[in-house]
C-alpha atoms as a PDB file:
ATOM      1  CA  UNK A   1      16.466   3.424  27.212  1.00  0.00           C
ATOM      2  CA  UNK A   2      19.346   5.038  25.404  1.00  0.00           C
ATOM      3  CA  UNK A   3      21.474   7.509  27.292  1.00  0.00           C
ATOM      4  CA  UNK A   4      22.881  10.522  25.567  1.00  0.00           C
ATOM      5  CA  UNK A   5      24.913  13.006  27.581  1.00  0.00           C
ATOM      6  CA  UNK A   6      23.458  11.572  30.774  1.00  0.00           C
ATOM      7  CA  UNK A   7      19.845  12.122  29.686  1.00  0.00           C
ATOM      8  CA  UNK A   8      17.353   9.446  28.787  1.00  0.00           C
ATOM      9  CA  UNK A   9      15.850   9.664  25.323  1.00  0.00           C
ATOM     10  CA  UNK A  10      12.189   9.199  24.566  1.00  0.00           C
ATOM     11  CA  UNK A  11      12.951   6.251  22.316  1.00  0.00           C
ATOM     12  CA  UNK A  12      12.743   2.930  24.073  1.00  0.00           C
ATOM     13  CA  UNK A  13      13.560   0.324  21.403  1.00  0.00           C
ATOM     14  CA  UNK A  14      12.663  -2.617  23.646  1.00  0.00           C
ATOM     15  CA  UNK A  15       9.194  -1.140  24.194  1.00  0.00           C
ATOM     16  CA  UNK A  16       8.745  -0.591  20.438  1.00  0.00           C
ATOM     17  CA  UNK A  17       9.908  -4.156  19.698  1.00  0.00           C
ATOM     18  CA  UNK A  18       7.485  -5.558  22.292  1.00  0.00           C
ATOM     19  CA  UNK A  19       4.567  -3.618  20.752  1.00  0.00           C
ATOM     20  CA  UNK A  20       5.385  -4.701  17.208  1.00  0.00           C
ATOM     21  CA  UNK A  21       5.834  -8.368  18.019  1.00  0.00           C
ATOM     22  CA  UNK A  22       2.849  -8.778  20.328  1.00  0.00           C
ATOM     23  CA  UNK A  23       1.005 -11.978  19.495  1.00  0.00           C
ATOM     24  CA  UNK A  24      -2.000 -10.119  18.064  1.00  0.00           C
ATOM     25  CA  UNK A  25       0.215  -8.009  15.807  1.00  0.00           C
ATOM     26  CA  UNK A  26       2.012 -11.020  14.330  1.00  0.00           C
ATOM     27  CA  UNK A  27      -1.136 -11.880  12.347  1.00  0.00           C
ATOM     28  CA  UNK A  28      -1.253  -8.398  10.865  1.00  0.00           C
ATOM     29  CA  UNK A  29       2.448  -8.502  10.018  1.00  0.00           C
ATOM     30  CA  UNK A  30       1.726 -11.788   8.213  1.00  0.00           C
ATOM     31  CA  UNK A  31      -1.094 -10.136   6.266  1.00  0.00           C
ATOM     32  CA  UNK A  32       1.343  -7.401   5.219  1.00  0.00           C
ATOM     33  CA  UNK A  33       3.904  -9.995   4.090  1.00  0.00           C
ATOM     34  CA  UNK A  34       1.321 -12.093   2.216  1.00  0.00           C
ATOM     35  CA  UNK A  35       0.054  -9.024   0.337  1.00  0.00           C
ATOM     36  CA  UNK A  36       3.617  -7.962  -0.461  1.00  0.00           C
ATOM     37  CA  UNK A  37       4.492 -11.405  -1.851  1.00  0.00           C
ATOM     38  CA  UNK A  38       1.202 -11.693  -3.810  1.00  0.00           C
ATOM     39  CA  UNK A  39       1.997  -8.345  -5.369  1.00  0.00           C
ATOM     40  CA  UNK A  40       5.597  -9.358  -6.128  1.00  0.00           C
ATOM     41  CA  UNK A  41       4.435 -12.647  -7.657  1.00  0.00           C
ATOM     42  CA  UNK A  42       1.834 -10.950  -9.860  1.00  0.00           C
ATOM     43  CA  UNK A  43       4.270  -8.298 -11.083  1.00  0.00           C
ATOM     44  CA  UNK A  44       7.042 -10.817 -11.777  1.00  0.00           C
ATOM     45  CA  UNK A  45       4.571 -12.989 -13.688  1.00  0.00           C
ATOM     46  CA  UNK A  46       3.392 -10.038 -15.778  1.00  0.00           C
ATOM     47  CA  UNK A  47       6.939  -8.837 -16.456  1.00  0.00           C
ATOM     48  CA  UNK A  48       7.763 -12.286 -17.857  1.00  0.00           C
ATOM     49  CA  UNK A  49       4.414 -12.746 -19.640  1.00  0.00           C
ATOM     50  CA  UNK A  50       4.507  -9.321 -21.281  1.00  0.00           C
ATOM     51  CA  UNK A  51       8.259  -9.165 -21.845  1.00  0.00           C
ATOM     52  CA  UNK A  52       7.959  -9.053 -25.641  1.00  0.00           C
ATOM     53  CA  UNK A  53       4.416  -7.708 -25.926  1.00  0.00           C
ATOM     54  CA  UNK A  54       3.160  -4.950 -23.664  1.00  0.00           C
ATOM     55  CA  UNK A  55      -0.497  -5.786 -24.277  1.00  0.00           C
ATOM     56  CA  UNK A  56      -2.637  -8.917 -23.868  1.00  0.00           C
ATOM     57  CA  UNK A  57      -6.373  -9.003 -24.657  1.00  0.00           C
ATOM     58  CA  UNK A  58      -8.334 -10.979 -22.032  1.00  0.00           C
ATOM     59  CA  UNK A  59     -11.971 -10.106 -22.823  1.00  0.00           C
ATOM     60  CA  UNK A  60     -14.149  -7.130 -23.785  1.00  0.00           C
ATOM     61  CA  UNK A  61     -13.663  -5.523 -20.352  1.00  0.00           C
ATOM     62  CA  UNK A  62     -10.184  -6.529 -19.260  1.00  0.00           C
ATOM     63  CA  UNK A  63      -6.727  -6.354 -20.799  1.00  0.00           C
ATOM     64  CA  UNK A  64      -3.254  -6.772 -19.435  1.00  0.00           C
ATOM     65  CA  UNK A  65      -1.345  -3.700 -20.513  1.00  0.00           C
ATOM     66  CA  UNK A  66       2.088  -3.142 -18.965  1.00  0.00           C
ATOM     67  CA  UNK A  67       2.876   0.478 -18.165  1.00  0.00           C
ATOM     68  CA  UNK A  68       5.446   1.865 -15.753  1.00  0.00           C
ATOM     69  CA  UNK A  69       4.038   4.471 -13.393  1.00  0.00           C
ATOM     70  CA  UNK A  70       6.391   7.032 -11.839  1.00  0.00           C
ATOM     71  CA  UNK A  71       3.587   8.820  -9.986  1.00  0.00           C
ATOM     72  CA  UNK A  72       1.321   7.666  -7.193  1.00  0.00           C
ATOM     73  CA  UNK A  73      -1.816   5.513  -7.407  1.00  0.00           C
ATOM     74  CA  UNK A  74      -3.435   5.217 -10.819  1.00  0.00           C
ATOM     75  CA  UNK A  75      -0.667   7.247 -12.493  1.00  0.00           C
ATOM     76  CA  UNK A  76      -1.488  10.489 -10.711  1.00  0.00           C
ATOM     77  CA  UNK A  77       1.349  12.991 -10.235  1.00  0.00           C
ATOM     78  CA  UNK A  78       3.590  11.362 -12.851  1.00  0.00           C
ATOM     79  CA  UNK A  79       6.365  13.737 -13.805  1.00  0.00           C
ATOM     80  CA  UNK A  80       9.778  13.219 -15.400  1.00  0.00           C
ATOM     81  CA  UNK A  81      11.743  14.914 -12.617  1.00  0.00           C
ATOM     82  CA  UNK A  82      14.293  12.870 -10.673  1.00  0.00           C
ATOM     83  CA  UNK A  83      14.171  15.165  -7.654  1.00  0.00           C
ATOM     84  CA  UNK A  84      10.375  15.090  -7.596  1.00  0.00           C
ATOM     85  CA  UNK A  85      10.388  11.287  -7.934  1.00  0.00           C
ATOM     86  CA  UNK A  86      12.852  10.866  -5.059  1.00  0.00           C
ATOM     87  CA  UNK A  87      10.947  13.280  -2.827  1.00  0.00           C
ATOM     88  CA  UNK A  88       7.706  11.457  -3.565  1.00  0.00           C
ATOM     89  CA  UNK A  89       9.360   8.108  -2.764  1.00  0.00           C
ATOM     90  CA  UNK A  90      10.654   9.442   0.556  1.00  0.00           C
ATOM     91  CA  UNK A  91       7.206  10.816   1.364  1.00  0.00           C
ATOM     92  CA  UNK A  92       5.631   7.425   0.584  1.00  0.00           C
ATOM     93  CA  UNK A  93       8.170   5.728   2.869  1.00  0.00           C
ATOM     94  CA  UNK A  94       7.345   8.149   5.701  1.00  0.00           C
ATOM     95  CA  UNK A  95       3.611   7.606   5.211  1.00  0.00           C
ATOM     96  CA  UNK A  96       4.144   3.825   5.448  1.00  0.00           C
ATOM     97  CA  UNK A  97       6.010   4.288   8.761  1.00  0.00           C
ATOM     98  CA  UNK A  98       3.235   6.527  10.115  1.00  0.00           C
ATOM     99  CA  UNK A  99       0.541   4.060   9.012  1.00  0.00           C
ATOM    100  CA  UNK A 100       2.471   1.251  10.667  1.00  0.00           C
ATOM    101  CA  UNK A 101       2.445   3.079  14.019  1.00  0.00           C
ATOM    102  CA  UNK A 102      -1.260   3.898  13.594  1.00  0.00           C
ATOM    103  CA  UNK A 103      -1.835   0.203  12.970  1.00  0.00           C
ATOM    104  CA  UNK A 104      -0.075  -0.742  16.217  1.00  0.00           C
ATOM    105  CA  UNK A 105      -2.300   1.613  18.214  1.00  0.00           C
ATOM    106  CA  UNK A 106      -5.615   0.838  16.501  1.00  0.00           C
ATOM    107  CA  UNK A 107      -8.463  -1.585  17.159  1.00  0.00           C
ATOM    108  CA  UNK A 108      -8.361  -5.065  15.608  1.00  0.00           C
ATOM    109  CA  UNK A 109     -10.723  -4.252  12.735  1.00  0.00           C
ATOM    110  CA  UNK A 110      -8.722  -1.161  11.869  1.00  0.00           C
ATOM    111  CA  UNK A 111      -5.481  -3.167  12.022  1.00  0.00           C
ATOM    112  CA  UNK A 112      -6.813  -5.311   9.191  1.00  0.00           C
ATOM    113  CA  UNK A 113      -7.473  -2.232   7.065  1.00  0.00           C
ATOM    114  CA  UNK A 114      -4.074  -0.744   7.863  1.00  0.00           C
ATOM    115  CA  UNK A 115      -2.442  -4.091   7.005  1.00  0.00           C
ATOM    116  CA  UNK A 116      -4.051  -4.103   3.561  1.00  0.00           C
ATOM    117  CA  UNK A 117      -2.895  -0.550   2.879  1.00  0.00           C
ATOM    118  CA  UNK A 118       0.623  -1.079   4.236  1.00  0.00           C
ATOM    119  CA  UNK A 119       1.145  -4.369   2.384  1.00  0.00           C
ATOM    120  CA  UNK A 120       0.194  -2.770  -0.926  1.00  0.00           C
ATOM    121  CA  UNK A 121       2.176   0.380  -0.240  1.00  0.00           C
ATOM    122  CA  UNK A 122       5.324  -1.606   0.572  1.00  0.00           C
ATOM    123  CA  UNK A 123       4.874  -3.559  -2.681  1.00  0.00           C
ATOM    124  CA  UNK A 124       4.709  -0.361  -4.703  1.00  0.00           C
ATOM    125  CA  UNK A 125       7.563   1.249  -2.759  1.00  0.00           C
ATOM    126  CA  UNK A 126       9.717  -1.794  -3.517  1.00  0.00           C
ATOM    127  CA  UNK A 127       9.069  -1.274  -7.240  1.00  0.00           C
ATOM    128  CA  UNK A 128       9.845   2.449  -6.972  1.00  0.00           C
ATOM    129  CA  UNK A 129      13.228   1.545  -5.490  1.00  0.00           C
ATOM    130  CA  UNK A 130      14.076  -1.426  -7.761  1.00  0.00           C
ATOM    131  CA  UNK A 131      12.548  -0.345 -11.107  1.00  0.00           C
ATOM    132  CA  UNK A 132      12.325   3.439 -10.541  1.00  0.00           C
ATOM    133  CA  UNK A 133       8.655   3.010 -11.466  1.00  0.00           C
ATOM    134  CA  UNK A 134       5.693   0.855 -10.496  1.00  0.00           C
ATOM    135  CA  UNK A 135       4.531  -1.724 -13.064  1.00  0.00           C
ATOM    136  CA  UNK A 136       0.781  -1.336 -13.563  1.00  0.00           C
ATOM    137  CA  UNK A 137      -0.927  -3.871 -15.777  1.00  0.00           C
ATOM    138  CA  UNK A 138      -4.632  -4.330 -15.044  1.00  0.00           C
ATOM    139  CA  UNK A 139      -6.635  -2.400 -17.639  1.00  0.00           C
ATOM    140  CA  UNK A 140     -10.421  -2.370 -17.059  1.00  0.00           C
ATOM    141  CA  UNK A 141     -12.432  -0.741 -19.809  1.00  0.00           C
ATOM    142  CA  UNK A 142     -15.872  -0.372 -21.312  1.00  0.00           C
ATOM    143  CA  UNK A 143     -15.529   0.046 -25.044  1.00  0.00           C
ATOM    144  CA  UNK A 144     -13.102   2.964 -25.492  1.00  0.00           C
ATOM    145  CA  UNK A 145     -13.309   4.228 -21.902  1.00  0.00           C
ATOM    146  CA  UNK A 146     -10.300   2.855 -19.994  1.00  0.00           C
ATOM    147  CA  UNK A 147      -9.875   3.209 -16.252  1.00  0.00           C
ATOM    148  CA  UNK A 148      -6.364   3.985 -14.994  1.00  0.00           C
ATOM    149  CA  UNK A 149      -4.064   0.960 -15.139  1.00  0.00           C
ATOM    150  CA  UNK A 150      -3.346  -0.529 -11.737  1.00  0.00           C
ATOM    151  CA  UNK A 151      -1.800  -3.549 -10.041  1.00  0.00           C
ATOM    152  CA  UNK A 152      -2.480  -5.987  -7.187  1.00  0.00           C
ATOM    153  CA  UNK A 153      -0.940  -3.657  -4.581  1.00  0.00           C
ATOM    154  CA  UNK A 154      -3.310  -0.880  -5.688  1.00  0.00           C
ATOM    155  CA  UNK A 155      -6.255  -3.259  -5.216  1.00  0.00           C
ATOM    156  CA  UNK A 156      -5.299  -3.954  -1.602  1.00  0.00           C
ATOM    157  CA  UNK A 157      -4.613  -0.283  -0.877  1.00  0.00           C
ATOM    158  CA  UNK A 158      -8.021   0.668  -2.334  1.00  0.00           C
ATOM    159  CA  UNK A 159      -9.866  -2.069  -0.408  1.00  0.00           C
ATOM    160  CA  UNK A 160      -8.187  -1.004   2.843  1.00  0.00           C
ATOM    161  CA  UNK A 161      -9.028   2.661   2.325  1.00  0.00           C
ATOM    162  CA  UNK A 162     -12.633   1.937   1.284  1.00  0.00           C
ATOM    163  CA  UNK A 163     -13.254  -0.361   4.275  1.00  0.00           C
ATOM    164  CA  UNK A 164     -11.674   2.182   6.617  1.00  0.00           C
ATOM    165  CA  UNK A 165     -13.918   4.966   5.299  1.00  0.00           C
ATOM    166  CA  UNK A 166     -17.054   2.796   5.411  1.00  0.00           C
ATOM    167  CA  UNK A 167     -16.309   1.555   8.930  1.00  0.00           C
ATOM    168  CA  UNK A 168     -15.721   5.123  10.076  1.00  0.00           C
ATOM    169  CA  UNK A 169     -19.139   6.155   8.747  1.00  0.00           C
ATOM    170  CA  UNK A 170     -20.828   3.120  10.320  1.00  0.00           C
ATOM    171  CA  UNK A 171     -19.191   3.506  13.737  1.00  0.00           C
ATOM    172  CA  UNK A 172     -19.673   7.288  13.724  1.00  0.00           C
ATOM    173  CA  UNK A 173     -23.347   6.822  12.876  1.00  0.00           C
ATOM    174  CA  UNK A 174     -23.811   4.200  15.618  1.00  0.00           C
ATOM    175  CA  UNK A 175     -22.074   6.343  18.248  1.00  0.00           C
ATOM    176  CA  UNK A 176     -24.194   9.364  17.221  1.00  0.00           C
ATOM    177  CA  UNK A 177     -27.372   7.258  17.535  1.00  0.00           C
ATOM    178  CA  UNK A 178     -26.335   6.112  21.021  1.00  0.00           C
ATOM    179  CA  UNK A 179     -25.767   9.716  22.123  1.00  0.00           C
ATOM    180  CA  UNK A 180     -29.245  10.788  20.926  1.00  0.00           C
END
């Protein structure tokens, strides 16, 4: 432990390091890295593919349409304020740290869900830092109704959140049935 003015602090870095790099957690760290690099690859590919044209027709339901999102998921909370953008980026970073510690303390199935969310969130945070916006490019639509543009990181974040919510309902229902 660190000593400060003769007192021990609550932070034990060796203990934190041992928790993070436990054998079981290495797999989840790999999932996070794989998702991050899949996201990076997809965005780099799109940035090159759509460098001159911002729009590519794929079929009647899917287009590639490059837009830069300064807000959060699906373009929500997009404003043209530098202070707001920086505050939002800091908040996203803090949420990633909190999710990471939740992941370390959770059950194996939940660690998978947290890994999906964290991997996608780190991918989008990287873009916020490097590009000052997140490149979104997947444009699903039915005729003239277009869903919000999104990217690969958003897909993994959404899957992680959906599975976490569904598993919570399933496990809550099973535990309630056992009690009755």
